[in-house]
């Protein structure tokens, strides 16, 4: 790691922060670790925001100081996807209603499956294009998708922190759970639409390159 430039070090740090985020999100309600770090969801929120900032910062530094490397080109988007996918998987583990697992998860598994499938599709297309000497650039709809995903994760983790660490911010927790579940469904529906839509648009635009000689 000492031989890496600063942007690549930040990328590796982001992978490490992802592990910390997952641990904070999935801490059991009881146990020694919880007694040491009682505000697990709050910690997860702060870690995710810091990790997201490193994503912006490493790209800005690399472009400004011309520090792009093959290692960074490979690892940076991978670290981004690992962070986002890990966050959505952790959200599947969170109940829509606190202390009532029978109410179902805060985020539905099929939604996360579509998000992961889209990322695999686009990553695979980029690998095929690279073998043919082409570069597939990010589309505007894809950038909207990325913003919607990051925004949704931050809002949902912040909601979990408010619910579990800060006693629903003084609201009636039953009403808070109801509103929070509806907000989560609305945001995730938007994310799924943008994710699937951007994946289809990406496939259609680059179909000739990808499916040539198929």
N, C-alpha and C. Protein backbone atom coordinates (compact mmCIF):
# COMPACT_ATOMS: atom_id res chain seq x y z
N UNK A 1 0.82 -1.21 0.00
CA UNK A 1 0.00 0.00 0.00
C UNK A 1 0.86 1.26 0.00
N UNK A 2 2.10 1.15 0.55
CA UNK A 2 2.96 2.32 0.60
C UNK A 2 3.37 2.79 -0.79
N UNK A 3 3.40 1.85 -1.77
CA UNK A 3 3.80 2.20 -3.12
C UNK A 3 2.65 2.81 -3.93
N UNK A 4 1.45 2.80 -3.39
CA UNK A 4 0.30 3.32 -4.11
C UNK A 4 0.27 4.84 -4.07
N UNK A 5 -0.37 5.43 -5.08
CA UNK A 5 -0.60 6.87 -5.02
C UNK A 5 -1.81 7.13 -4.13
N UNK A 6 -2.07 8.39 -3.84
CA UNK A 6 -3.13 8.75 -2.89
C UNK A 6 -4.52 8.30 -3.33
N UNK A 7 -4.92 8.51 -4.60
CA UNK A 7 -6.26 8.04 -5.00
C UNK A 7 -6.44 6.54 -4.78
N UNK A 8 -5.43 5.74 -5.09
CA UNK A 8 -5.56 4.30 -4.91
C UNK A 8 -5.62 3.93 -3.43
N UNK A 9 -4.88 4.66 -2.60
CA UNK A 9 -4.97 4.42 -1.16
C UNK A 9 -6.38 4.71 -0.64
N UNK A 10 -6.98 5.78 -1.16
CA UNK A 10 -8.35 6.11 -0.75
C UNK A 10 -9.33 5.03 -1.19
N UNK A 11 -9.09 4.45 -2.35
CA UNK A 11 -9.95 3.37 -2.83
C UNK A 11 -9.85 2.16 -1.91
N UNK A 12 -8.63 1.81 -1.51
CA UNK A 12 -8.44 0.69 -0.59
C UNK A 12 -9.08 1.00 0.77
N UNK A 13 -8.96 2.25 1.22
CA UNK A 13 -9.61 2.65 2.47
C UNK A 13 -11.12 2.47 2.37
N UNK A 14 -11.68 2.78 1.20
CA UNK A 14 -13.13 2.63 1.01
C UNK A 14 -13.56 1.18 1.17
N UNK A 15 -12.75 0.25 0.68
CA UNK A 15 -13.06 -1.16 0.89
C UNK A 15 -13.02 -1.52 2.37
N UNK A 16 -12.04 -0.99 3.09
CA UNK A 16 -11.98 -1.22 4.53
C UNK A 16 -13.17 -0.63 5.26
N UNK A 17 -13.57 0.57 4.86
CA UNK A 17 -14.74 1.21 5.48
C UNK A 17 -16.01 0.42 5.20
N UNK A 18 -16.08 -0.24 4.06
CA UNK A 18 -17.24 -1.07 3.75
C UNK A 18 -17.38 -2.18 4.77
N UNK A 19 -16.27 -2.80 5.14
CA UNK A 19 -16.31 -3.86 6.15
C UNK A 19 -16.78 -3.31 7.50
N UNK A 20 -16.31 -2.13 7.86
CA UNK A 20 -16.74 -1.51 9.12
C UNK A 20 -18.23 -1.19 9.06
N UNK A 21 -18.69 -0.68 7.92
CA UNK A 21 -20.11 -0.36 7.74
C UNK A 21 -20.97 -1.60 7.93
N UNK A 22 -20.60 -2.70 7.29
CA UNK A 22 -21.37 -3.94 7.40
C UNK A 22 -21.42 -4.41 8.85
N UNK A 23 -20.28 -4.37 9.53
CA UNK A 23 -20.23 -4.80 10.92
C UNK A 23 -21.15 -3.94 11.79
N UNK A 24 -21.13 -2.62 11.57
CA UNK A 24 -21.98 -1.73 12.37
C UNK A 24 -23.46 -1.96 12.07
N UNK A 25 -23.79 -2.21 10.82
CA UNK A 25 -25.19 -2.42 10.44
C UNK A 25 -25.76 -3.71 11.02
N UNK A 26 -24.91 -4.74 11.11
CA UNK A 26 -25.41 -6.07 11.47
C UNK A 26 -25.09 -6.45 12.91
N UNK A 27 -24.69 -5.49 13.72
CA UNK A 27 -24.43 -5.79 15.13
C UNK A 27 -25.69 -6.35 15.78
N UNK A 28 -25.56 -7.45 16.53
CA UNK A 28 -26.73 -7.99 17.23
C UNK A 28 -27.22 -7.03 18.30
N UNK A 29 -28.50 -7.16 18.62
CA UNK A 29 -29.11 -6.25 19.61
C UNK A 29 -28.48 -6.41 20.99
N UNK A 30 -27.97 -7.60 21.27
CA UNK A 30 -27.35 -7.85 22.56
C UNK A 30 -25.90 -8.29 22.34
N UNK A 31 -25.08 -8.13 23.35
CA UNK A 31 -23.72 -8.63 23.26
C UNK A 31 -22.69 -7.61 23.67
N UNK A 32 -21.43 -8.09 23.77
CA UNK A 32 -20.34 -7.24 24.25
C UNK A 32 -20.08 -6.09 23.29
N UNK A 33 -20.08 -6.38 21.98
CA UNK A 33 -19.78 -5.34 20.99
C UNK A 33 -20.81 -4.22 21.06
N UNK A 34 -22.07 -4.58 21.20
CA UNK A 34 -23.12 -3.56 21.28
C UNK A 34 -22.94 -2.69 22.51
N UNK A 35 -22.47 -3.28 23.60
CA UNK A 35 -22.27 -2.48 24.81
C UNK A 35 -21.12 -1.49 24.64
N UNK A 36 -20.13 -1.84 23.79
CA UNK A 36 -19.02 -0.95 23.52
C UNK A 36 -19.41 0.11 22.50
N UNK A 37 -20.20 -0.29 21.50
CA UNK A 37 -20.62 0.63 20.44
C UNK A 37 -22.14 0.58 20.32
N UNK A 38 -22.85 1.25 21.24
CA UNK A 38 -24.32 1.14 21.28
C UNK A 38 -25.01 1.79 20.10
N UNK A 39 -24.42 2.79 19.47
CA UNK A 39 -25.07 3.51 18.39
C UNK A 39 -24.62 2.95 17.03
N UNK A 40 -24.92 1.66 16.83
CA UNK A 40 -24.43 0.97 15.65
C UNK A 40 -24.86 1.59 14.34
N UNK A 41 -26.15 1.93 14.22
CA UNK A 41 -26.66 2.48 12.96
C UNK A 41 -26.11 3.89 12.72
N UNK A 42 -25.91 4.64 13.79
CA UNK A 42 -25.32 5.96 13.63
C UNK A 42 -23.89 5.86 13.13
N UNK A 43 -23.15 4.91 13.69
CA UNK A 43 -21.78 4.67 13.23
C UNK A 43 -21.80 4.26 11.76
N UNK A 44 -22.73 3.37 11.40
CA UNK A 44 -22.83 2.93 10.00
C UNK A 44 -23.11 4.10 9.08
N UNK A 45 -23.97 5.01 9.50
CA UNK A 45 -24.31 6.18 8.68
C UNK A 45 -23.08 7.05 8.44
N UNK A 46 -22.34 7.33 9.50
CA UNK A 46 -21.15 8.17 9.37
C UNK A 46 -20.11 7.50 8.49
N UNK A 47 -19.92 6.20 8.68
CA UNK A 47 -18.94 5.46 7.89
C UNK A 47 -19.32 5.47 6.41
N UNK A 48 -20.61 5.28 6.12
CA UNK A 48 -21.03 5.25 4.72
C UNK A 48 -20.82 6.61 4.06
N UNK A 49 -21.14 7.67 4.77
CA UNK A 49 -20.95 9.01 4.20
C UNK A 49 -19.46 9.28 3.95
N UNK A 50 -18.61 8.89 4.90
CA UNK A 50 -17.16 9.08 4.72
C UNK A 50 -16.67 8.26 3.53
N UNK A 51 -17.13 7.01 3.43
CA UNK A 51 -16.73 6.15 2.31
C UNK A 51 -17.18 6.75 0.98
N UNK A 52 -18.39 7.30 0.95
CA UNK A 52 -18.90 7.92 -0.27
C UNK A 52 -18.07 9.13 -0.65
N UNK A 53 -17.63 9.89 0.33
CA UNK A 53 -16.79 11.06 0.06
C UNK A 53 -15.43 10.65 -0.50
N UNK A 54 -14.90 9.52 -0.04
CA UNK A 54 -13.62 9.06 -0.59
C UNK A 54 -13.78 8.70 -2.06
N UNK A 55 -14.97 8.25 -2.45
CA UNK A 55 -15.22 7.93 -3.86
C UNK A 55 -15.08 9.19 -4.71
N UNK A 56 -15.70 10.28 -4.26
CA UNK A 56 -15.58 11.54 -4.99
C UNK A 56 -14.15 12.08 -4.94
N UNK A 57 -13.52 11.97 -3.75
CA UNK A 57 -12.21 12.58 -3.55
C UNK A 57 -11.13 11.88 -4.37
N UNK A 58 -11.14 10.55 -4.40
CA UNK A 58 -10.07 9.87 -5.14
C UNK A 58 -10.15 10.15 -6.63
N UNK A 59 -11.39 10.23 -7.16
CA UNK A 59 -11.53 10.56 -8.57
C UNK A 59 -11.08 11.98 -8.88
N UNK A 60 -11.41 12.91 -7.98
CA UNK A 60 -11.03 14.32 -8.19
C UNK A 60 -9.50 14.48 -8.16
N UNK A 61 -8.86 13.82 -7.19
CA UNK A 61 -7.41 13.92 -7.08
C UNK A 61 -6.73 13.28 -8.30
N UNK A 62 -7.25 12.12 -8.71
CA UNK A 62 -6.64 11.42 -9.84
C UNK A 62 -6.72 12.25 -11.12
N UNK A 63 -7.87 12.90 -11.34
CA UNK A 63 -8.03 13.71 -12.55
C UNK A 63 -7.20 15.00 -12.47
N UNK A 64 -7.23 15.62 -11.32
CA UNK A 64 -6.54 16.91 -11.17
C UNK A 64 -5.02 16.78 -11.29
N UNK A 65 -4.48 15.70 -10.73
CA UNK A 65 -3.03 15.53 -10.72
C UNK A 65 -2.55 14.45 -11.69
N UNK A 66 -3.47 13.99 -12.54
CA UNK A 66 -3.14 12.99 -13.56
C UNK A 66 -2.49 11.76 -12.94
N UNK A 67 -3.19 11.20 -11.97
CA UNK A 67 -2.68 10.03 -11.26
C UNK A 67 -3.47 8.76 -11.59
N UNK A 68 -4.14 8.76 -12.76
CA UNK A 68 -4.89 7.57 -13.14
C UNK A 68 -3.93 6.41 -13.39
N UNK A 69 -4.29 5.25 -12.87
CA UNK A 69 -3.48 4.04 -13.07
C UNK A 69 -4.40 2.89 -13.47
N UNK A 70 -3.80 1.83 -14.02
CA UNK A 70 -4.59 0.64 -14.38
C UNK A 70 -5.21 0.03 -13.12
N UNK A 71 -4.44 0.04 -12.02
CA UNK A 71 -4.96 -0.50 -10.75
C UNK A 71 -6.19 0.28 -10.29
N UNK A 72 -6.10 1.60 -10.35
CA UNK A 72 -7.23 2.44 -9.94
C UNK A 72 -8.43 2.28 -10.86
N UNK A 73 -8.16 2.16 -12.16
CA UNK A 73 -9.25 1.98 -13.13
C UNK A 73 -10.02 0.70 -12.84
N UNK A 74 -9.32 -0.34 -12.40
CA UNK A 74 -9.97 -1.60 -12.07
C UNK A 74 -10.65 -1.56 -10.71
N UNK A 75 -9.92 -1.07 -9.70
CA UNK A 75 -10.39 -1.19 -8.32
C UNK A 75 -11.43 -0.15 -7.93
N UNK A 76 -11.34 1.07 -8.48
CA UNK A 76 -12.25 2.13 -8.06
C UNK A 76 -13.72 1.79 -8.30
N UNK A 77 -14.11 1.41 -9.53
CA UNK A 77 -15.52 1.04 -9.72
C UNK A 77 -15.92 -0.20 -8.94
N UNK A 78 -14.96 -1.13 -8.75
CA UNK A 78 -15.25 -2.33 -7.97
C UNK A 78 -15.56 -1.97 -6.52
N UNK A 79 -14.75 -1.07 -5.95
CA UNK A 79 -14.97 -0.64 -4.57
C UNK A 79 -16.32 0.06 -4.43
N UNK A 80 -16.69 0.85 -5.43
CA UNK A 80 -17.99 1.52 -5.40
C UNK A 80 -19.12 0.51 -5.36
N UNK A 81 -19.04 -0.50 -6.24
CA UNK A 81 -20.11 -1.50 -6.31
C UNK A 81 -20.17 -2.33 -5.04
N UNK A 82 -19.02 -2.67 -4.48
CA UNK A 82 -19.00 -3.45 -3.23
C UNK A 82 -19.68 -2.66 -2.11
N UNK A 83 -19.39 -1.37 -2.03
CA UNK A 83 -19.99 -0.53 -0.99
C UNK A 83 -21.51 -0.46 -1.14
N UNK A 84 -21.98 -0.18 -2.35
CA UNK A 84 -23.41 -0.02 -2.58
C UNK A 84 -24.16 -1.34 -2.40
N UNK A 85 -23.64 -2.41 -3.00
CA UNK A 85 -24.31 -3.71 -2.89
C UNK A 85 -24.32 -4.19 -1.44
N UNK A 86 -23.21 -4.01 -0.72
CA UNK A 86 -23.17 -4.39 0.69
C UNK A 86 -24.21 -3.64 1.49
N UNK A 87 -24.38 -2.36 1.20
CA UNK A 87 -25.38 -1.55 1.92
C UNK A 87 -26.79 -2.07 1.67
N UNK A 88 -27.12 -2.35 0.41
CA UNK A 88 -28.47 -2.83 0.11
C UNK A 88 -28.72 -4.21 0.72
N UNK A 89 -27.71 -5.07 0.72
CA UNK A 89 -27.87 -6.39 1.34
C UNK A 89 -28.10 -6.24 2.84
N UNK A 90 -27.37 -5.33 3.47
CA UNK A 90 -27.58 -5.09 4.91
C UNK A 90 -28.99 -4.57 5.18
N UNK A 91 -29.54 -3.78 4.26
CA UNK A 91 -30.88 -3.25 4.45
C UNK A 91 -31.94 -4.34 4.36
N UNK A 92 -31.64 -5.43 3.62
CA UNK A 92 -32.58 -6.56 3.59
C UNK A 92 -32.72 -7.15 4.99
N UNK A 93 -31.64 -7.10 5.76
CA UNK A 93 -31.63 -7.70 7.09
C UNK A 93 -32.37 -6.86 8.13
N UNK A 94 -32.78 -5.65 7.76
CA UNK A 94 -33.45 -4.76 8.73
C UNK A 94 -34.96 -4.92 8.63
N UNK A 95 -35.65 -5.12 9.76
CA UNK A 95 -37.11 -5.26 9.72
C UNK A 95 -37.79 -3.94 9.40
N UNK A 96 -38.90 -4.03 8.66
CA UNK A 96 -39.66 -2.83 8.35
C UNK A 96 -40.23 -2.20 9.61
N UNK A 97 -40.58 -3.04 10.58
CA UNK A 97 -41.11 -2.58 11.86
C UNK A 97 -40.20 -3.12 12.97
N UNK A 98 -39.73 -2.25 13.81
CA UNK A 98 -38.80 -2.64 14.86
C UNK A 98 -39.41 -3.68 15.78
N UNK A 99 -38.61 -4.72 16.08
CA UNK A 99 -39.01 -5.81 16.99
C UNK A 99 -40.15 -6.64 16.42
N UNK A 100 -40.44 -6.51 15.11
CA UNK A 100 -41.49 -7.32 14.48
C UNK A 100 -40.98 -7.89 13.16
N UNK A 101 -40.12 -8.91 13.21
CA UNK A 101 -39.57 -9.50 11.99
C UNK A 101 -40.64 -10.02 11.04
N UNK A 102 -41.81 -10.41 11.59
CA UNK A 102 -42.89 -10.93 10.75
C UNK A 102 -43.43 -9.88 9.79
N UNK A 103 -43.18 -8.61 10.07
CA UNK A 103 -43.66 -7.54 9.19
C UNK A 103 -42.88 -7.49 7.89
N UNK A 104 -41.79 -8.24 7.81
CA UNK A 104 -41.01 -8.27 6.57
C UNK A 104 -39.82 -7.34 6.63
N UNK A 105 -38.93 -7.44 5.65
CA UNK A 105 -37.71 -6.61 5.65
C UNK A 105 -38.00 -5.18 5.21
N UNK A 106 -37.13 -4.28 5.59
CA UNK A 106 -37.26 -2.89 5.17
C UNK A 106 -37.10 -2.76 3.66
N UNK A 107 -36.20 -3.57 3.08
CA UNK A 107 -35.97 -3.58 1.64
C UNK A 107 -36.17 -5.00 1.14
N UNK A 108 -36.94 -5.16 0.07
CA UNK A 108 -37.24 -6.48 -0.47
C UNK A 108 -36.03 -7.05 -1.21
N UNK A 109 -35.83 -8.36 -1.04
CA UNK A 109 -34.70 -9.03 -1.66
C UNK A 109 -34.71 -8.96 -3.18
N UNK A 110 -35.90 -9.04 -3.79
CA UNK A 110 -35.96 -9.02 -5.26
C UNK A 110 -35.48 -7.68 -5.82
N UNK A 111 -35.68 -6.62 -5.06
CA UNK A 111 -35.20 -5.32 -5.50
C UNK A 111 -33.67 -5.29 -5.55
N UNK A 112 -33.06 -5.82 -4.50
CA UNK A 112 -31.60 -5.86 -4.45
C UNK A 112 -31.06 -6.78 -5.53
N UNK A 113 -31.76 -7.88 -5.80
CA UNK A 113 -31.33 -8.80 -6.86
C UNK A 113 -31.27 -8.09 -8.21
N UNK A 114 -32.27 -7.26 -8.51
CA UNK A 114 -32.27 -6.51 -9.76
C UNK A 114 -31.10 -5.53 -9.82
N UNK A 115 -30.82 -4.89 -8.70
CA UNK A 115 -29.70 -3.94 -8.64
C UNK A 115 -28.38 -4.66 -8.90
N UNK A 116 -28.18 -5.80 -8.24
CA UNK A 116 -26.94 -6.57 -8.42
C UNK A 116 -26.83 -7.09 -9.84
N UNK A 117 -27.94 -7.59 -10.40
CA UNK A 117 -27.93 -8.11 -11.77
C UNK A 117 -27.54 -7.03 -12.76
N UNK A 118 -28.05 -5.83 -12.58
CA UNK A 118 -27.71 -4.72 -13.48
C UNK A 118 -26.22 -4.40 -13.42
N UNK A 119 -25.66 -4.41 -12.21
CA UNK A 119 -24.24 -4.10 -12.07
C UNK A 119 -23.38 -5.17 -12.74
N UNK A 120 -23.77 -6.43 -12.60
CA UNK A 120 -23.05 -7.51 -13.28
C UNK A 120 -23.14 -7.34 -14.79
N UNK A 121 -24.33 -6.98 -15.28
CA UNK A 121 -24.53 -6.81 -16.72
C UNK A 121 -23.63 -5.73 -17.28
N UNK A 122 -23.64 -4.57 -16.65
CA UNK A 122 -22.86 -3.44 -17.15
C UNK A 122 -21.37 -3.72 -17.02
N UNK A 123 -20.95 -4.32 -15.91
CA UNK A 123 -19.54 -4.66 -15.75
C UNK A 123 -19.09 -5.64 -16.82
N UNK A 124 -19.93 -6.64 -17.11
CA UNK A 124 -19.60 -7.60 -18.15
C UNK A 124 -19.50 -6.95 -19.52
N UNK A 125 -20.42 -6.03 -19.81
CA UNK A 125 -20.38 -5.33 -21.09
C UNK A 125 -19.10 -4.51 -21.23
N UNK A 126 -18.68 -3.87 -20.16
CA UNK A 126 -17.45 -3.07 -20.21
C UNK A 126 -16.22 -3.95 -20.43
N UNK A 127 -16.22 -5.14 -19.84
CA UNK A 127 -15.11 -6.05 -20.05
C UNK A 127 -15.05 -6.51 -21.50
N UNK A 128 -16.21 -6.82 -22.08
CA UNK A 128 -16.26 -7.22 -23.49
C UNK A 128 -15.77 -6.08 -24.37
N UNK A 129 -16.24 -4.87 -24.08
CA UNK A 129 -15.84 -3.71 -24.88
C UNK A 129 -14.34 -3.47 -24.77
N UNK A 130 -13.79 -3.63 -23.56
CA UNK A 130 -12.35 -3.40 -23.38
C UNK A 130 -11.54 -4.39 -24.19
N UNK A 131 -12.00 -5.63 -24.27
CA UNK A 131 -11.30 -6.62 -25.08
C UNK A 131 -11.27 -6.23 -26.56
N UNK A 132 -12.26 -5.45 -26.98
CA UNK A 132 -12.33 -5.00 -28.37
C UNK A 132 -11.72 -3.62 -28.56
N UNK A 133 -11.06 -3.13 -27.50
CA UNK A 133 -10.38 -1.85 -27.61
C UNK A 133 -11.27 -0.64 -27.48
N UNK A 134 -12.47 -0.82 -26.93
CA UNK A 134 -13.41 0.29 -26.78
C UNK A 134 -13.64 0.57 -25.30
N UNK A 135 -14.11 1.77 -25.01
CA UNK A 135 -14.43 2.16 -23.64
C UNK A 135 -15.89 2.62 -23.60
N UNK A 136 -16.67 2.00 -22.73
CA UNK A 136 -18.07 2.38 -22.59
C UNK A 136 -18.19 3.41 -21.47
N UNK A 137 -18.56 4.62 -21.83
CA UNK A 137 -18.66 5.71 -20.85
C UNK A 137 -19.97 5.63 -20.08
N UNK A 138 -19.94 6.18 -18.88
CA UNK A 138 -21.16 6.25 -18.07
C UNK A 138 -22.16 7.19 -18.72
N UNK A 139 -23.43 6.77 -18.75
CA UNK A 139 -24.49 7.57 -19.34
C UNK A 139 -25.13 8.46 -18.27
N UNK A 140 -25.86 9.49 -18.73
CA UNK A 140 -26.50 10.41 -17.79
C UNK A 140 -27.50 9.68 -16.90
N UNK A 141 -28.28 8.75 -17.49
CA UNK A 141 -29.25 8.01 -16.69
C UNK A 141 -28.53 7.15 -15.65
N UNK A 142 -27.37 6.63 -16.01
CA UNK A 142 -26.59 5.86 -15.05
C UNK A 142 -26.12 6.71 -13.89
N UNK A 143 -25.76 7.96 -14.19
CA UNK A 143 -25.34 8.87 -13.12
C UNK A 143 -26.51 9.21 -12.20
N UNK A 144 -27.71 9.37 -12.78
CA UNK A 144 -28.90 9.59 -11.96
C UNK A 144 -29.15 8.36 -11.07
N UNK A 145 -28.95 7.18 -11.64
CA UNK A 145 -29.12 5.94 -10.89
C UNK A 145 -28.18 5.90 -9.70
N UNK A 146 -26.92 6.24 -9.93
CA UNK A 146 -25.93 6.22 -8.86
C UNK A 146 -26.30 7.19 -7.75
N UNK A 147 -26.70 8.41 -8.13
CA UNK A 147 -27.11 9.39 -7.12
C UNK A 147 -28.31 8.88 -6.33
N UNK A 148 -29.30 8.31 -7.02
CA UNK A 148 -30.50 7.81 -6.34
C UNK A 148 -30.14 6.68 -5.37
N UNK A 149 -29.23 5.80 -5.76
CA UNK A 149 -28.82 4.71 -4.88
C UNK A 149 -28.14 5.25 -3.62
N UNK A 150 -27.18 6.15 -3.81
CA UNK A 150 -26.45 6.68 -2.66
C UNK A 150 -27.38 7.47 -1.73
N UNK A 151 -28.24 8.29 -2.33
CA UNK A 151 -29.19 9.08 -1.54
C UNK A 151 -30.12 8.17 -0.75
N UNK A 152 -30.62 7.13 -1.39
CA UNK A 152 -31.55 6.21 -0.74
C UNK A 152 -30.88 5.49 0.43
N UNK A 153 -29.66 5.02 0.21
CA UNK A 153 -28.95 4.33 1.29
C UNK A 153 -28.75 5.26 2.48
N UNK A 154 -28.33 6.48 2.22
CA UNK A 154 -28.10 7.43 3.31
C UNK A 154 -29.39 7.72 4.07
N UNK A 155 -30.50 7.94 3.34
CA UNK A 155 -31.77 8.23 3.99
C UNK A 155 -32.24 7.03 4.82
N UNK A 156 -32.12 5.82 4.28
CA UNK A 156 -32.61 4.65 5.00
C UNK A 156 -31.75 4.33 6.23
N UNK A 157 -30.45 4.46 6.09
CA UNK A 157 -29.59 4.22 7.26
C UNK A 157 -29.81 5.32 8.31
N UNK A 158 -30.03 6.55 7.86
CA UNK A 158 -30.33 7.63 8.80
C UNK A 158 -31.66 7.35 9.52
N UNK A 159 -32.63 6.81 8.79
CA UNK A 159 -33.90 6.44 9.41
C UNK A 159 -33.73 5.34 10.44
N UNK A 160 -32.90 4.36 10.12
CA UNK A 160 -32.63 3.29 11.08
C UNK A 160 -31.92 3.83 12.33
N UNK A 161 -31.00 4.77 12.12
CA UNK A 161 -30.32 5.38 13.26
C UNK A 161 -31.30 6.14 14.13
N UNK A 162 -32.21 6.88 13.49
CA UNK A 162 -33.21 7.62 14.25
C UNK A 162 -34.12 6.68 15.02
N UNK A 163 -34.48 5.57 14.40
CA UNK A 163 -35.40 4.61 15.01
C UNK A 163 -34.76 3.83 16.14
N UNK A 164 -33.53 3.37 15.92
CA UNK A 164 -32.93 2.44 16.87
C UNK A 164 -31.97 3.10 17.87
N UNK A 165 -31.35 4.20 17.44
CA UNK A 165 -30.36 4.83 18.32
C UNK A 165 -30.90 6.07 19.02
N UNK A 166 -31.89 6.73 18.42
CA UNK A 166 -32.34 8.03 18.93
C UNK A 166 -33.84 8.04 19.26
N UNK A 167 -34.37 6.84 19.53
CA UNK A 167 -35.76 6.71 20.02
C UNK A 167 -36.76 7.45 19.14
N UNK A 168 -36.63 7.25 17.84
CA UNK A 168 -37.56 7.81 16.85
C UNK A 168 -37.63 9.34 16.90
N UNK A 169 -36.56 9.96 17.39
CA UNK A 169 -36.46 11.42 17.46
C UNK A 169 -37.61 12.05 18.25
N UNK A 170 -38.13 11.29 19.21
CA UNK A 170 -39.21 11.80 20.05
C UNK A 170 -40.59 11.59 19.47
N UNK A 171 -40.70 11.05 18.25
CA UNK A 171 -42.01 10.77 17.66
C UNK A 171 -42.57 9.47 18.25
N UNK A 172 -43.85 9.24 18.01
CA UNK A 172 -44.44 7.95 18.33
C UNK A 172 -43.80 6.90 17.42
N UNK A 173 -43.16 5.89 18.00
CA UNK A 173 -42.38 4.93 17.20
C UNK A 173 -43.24 4.10 16.26
N UNK A 174 -44.50 3.86 16.63
CA UNK A 174 -45.37 3.10 15.74
C UNK A 174 -45.66 3.91 14.47
N UNK A 175 -45.94 5.20 14.63
CA UNK A 175 -46.17 6.06 13.48
C UNK A 175 -44.88 6.26 12.68
N UNK A 176 -43.77 6.36 13.39
CA UNK A 176 -42.48 6.51 12.71
C UNK A 176 -42.21 5.31 11.82
N UNK A 177 -42.44 4.09 12.35
CA UNK A 177 -42.22 2.87 11.58
C UNK A 177 -43.08 2.85 10.32
N UNK A 178 -44.34 3.26 10.46
CA UNK A 178 -45.26 3.25 9.33
C UNK A 178 -44.79 4.21 8.24
N UNK A 179 -44.43 5.42 8.63
CA UNK A 179 -43.96 6.40 7.66
C UNK A 179 -42.62 5.99 7.05
N UNK A 180 -41.76 5.42 7.88
CA UNK A 180 -40.44 5.02 7.42
C UNK A 180 -40.54 3.89 6.39
N UNK A 181 -41.42 2.92 6.65
CA UNK A 181 -41.60 1.81 5.72
C UNK A 181 -42.12 2.30 4.37
N UNK A 182 -43.05 3.25 4.40
CA UNK A 182 -43.58 3.80 3.14
C UNK A 182 -42.50 4.58 2.39
N UNK A 183 -41.69 5.34 3.13
CA UNK A 183 -40.60 6.08 2.51
C UNK A 183 -39.60 5.13 1.86
N UNK A 184 -39.27 4.06 2.59
CA UNK A 184 -38.32 3.08 2.05
C UNK A 184 -38.85 2.44 0.78
N UNK A 185 -40.12 2.09 0.76
CA UNK A 185 -40.71 1.48 -0.44
C UNK A 185 -40.69 2.45 -1.61
N UNK A 186 -41.03 3.70 -1.36
CA UNK A 186 -41.04 4.69 -2.44
C UNK A 186 -39.65 4.93 -3.01
N UNK A 187 -38.67 5.10 -2.13
CA UNK A 187 -37.31 5.35 -2.59
C UNK A 187 -36.75 4.14 -3.33
N UNK A 188 -36.99 2.95 -2.81
CA UNK A 188 -36.47 1.75 -3.45
C UNK A 188 -37.13 1.49 -4.80
N UNK A 189 -38.41 1.83 -4.90
CA UNK A 189 -39.09 1.69 -6.20
C UNK A 189 -38.44 2.60 -7.24
N UNK A 190 -38.15 3.83 -6.84
CA UNK A 190 -37.46 4.76 -7.74
C UNK A 190 -36.09 4.23 -8.13
N UNK A 191 -35.35 3.71 -7.16
CA UNK A 191 -34.01 3.18 -7.42
C UNK A 191 -34.08 2.01 -8.41
N UNK A 192 -35.03 1.11 -8.20
CA UNK A 192 -35.16 -0.05 -9.09
C UNK A 192 -35.50 0.40 -10.51
N UNK A 193 -36.42 1.35 -10.65
CA UNK A 193 -36.81 1.83 -11.97
C UNK A 193 -35.60 2.45 -12.68
N UNK A 194 -34.86 3.31 -11.97
CA UNK A 194 -33.69 3.94 -12.57
C UNK A 194 -32.59 2.91 -12.87
N UNK A 195 -32.41 1.95 -11.98
CA UNK A 195 -31.37 0.95 -12.16
C UNK A 195 -31.65 0.07 -13.37
N UNK A 196 -32.88 -0.46 -13.44
CA UNK A 196 -33.25 -1.32 -14.56
C UNK A 196 -33.30 -0.51 -15.86
N UNK A 197 -33.87 0.69 -15.79
CA UNK A 197 -33.96 1.53 -16.98
C UNK A 197 -32.60 1.89 -17.54
N UNK A 198 -31.66 2.25 -16.66
CA UNK A 198 -30.32 2.62 -17.12
C UNK A 198 -29.59 1.40 -17.69
N UNK A 199 -29.84 0.23 -17.10
CA UNK A 199 -29.21 -0.99 -17.61
C UNK A 199 -29.73 -1.33 -19.01
N UNK A 200 -31.03 -1.21 -19.21
CA UNK A 200 -31.61 -1.48 -20.53
C UNK A 200 -31.10 -0.48 -21.55
N UNK A 201 -31.08 0.81 -21.17
CA UNK A 201 -30.59 1.85 -22.09
C UNK A 201 -29.13 1.60 -22.46
N UNK A 202 -28.34 1.19 -21.50
CA UNK A 202 -26.92 0.90 -21.72
C UNK A 202 -26.77 -0.26 -22.70
N UNK A 203 -27.59 -1.29 -22.50
CA UNK A 203 -27.53 -2.47 -23.36
C UNK A 203 -27.96 -2.14 -24.78
N UNK A 204 -29.04 -1.40 -24.91
CA UNK A 204 -29.53 -1.04 -26.24
C UNK A 204 -28.52 -0.18 -26.99
N UNK A 205 -27.95 0.79 -26.32
CA UNK A 205 -27.01 1.70 -26.97
C UNK A 205 -25.76 0.98 -27.45
N UNK A 206 -25.32 -0.01 -26.70
CA UNK A 206 -24.05 -0.68 -27.01
C UNK A 206 -24.25 -2.11 -27.54
N UNK A 207 -25.45 -2.42 -27.98
CA UNK A 207 -25.74 -3.79 -28.40
C UNK A 207 -24.90 -4.26 -29.57
N UNK A 208 -24.61 -3.36 -30.51
CA UNK A 208 -23.83 -3.77 -31.67
C UNK A 208 -22.42 -4.18 -31.27
N UNK A 209 -21.82 -3.41 -30.36
CA UNK A 209 -20.46 -3.72 -29.91
C UNK A 209 -20.44 -5.01 -29.10
N UNK A 210 -21.41 -5.17 -28.22
CA UNK A 210 -21.41 -6.31 -27.30
C UNK A 210 -21.77 -7.61 -28.01
N UNK A 211 -22.77 -7.56 -28.90
CA UNK A 211 -23.28 -8.77 -29.51
C UNK A 211 -22.70 -9.04 -30.90
N UNK A 212 -21.69 -8.28 -31.27
CA UNK A 212 -21.05 -8.53 -32.55
C UNK A 212 -20.43 -9.92 -32.56
N UNK A 213 -20.74 -10.67 -33.62
CA UNK A 213 -20.24 -12.05 -33.79
C UNK A 213 -20.73 -12.97 -32.68
N UNK A 214 -21.86 -12.65 -32.06
CA UNK A 214 -22.36 -13.50 -30.98
C UNK A 214 -22.83 -14.85 -31.53
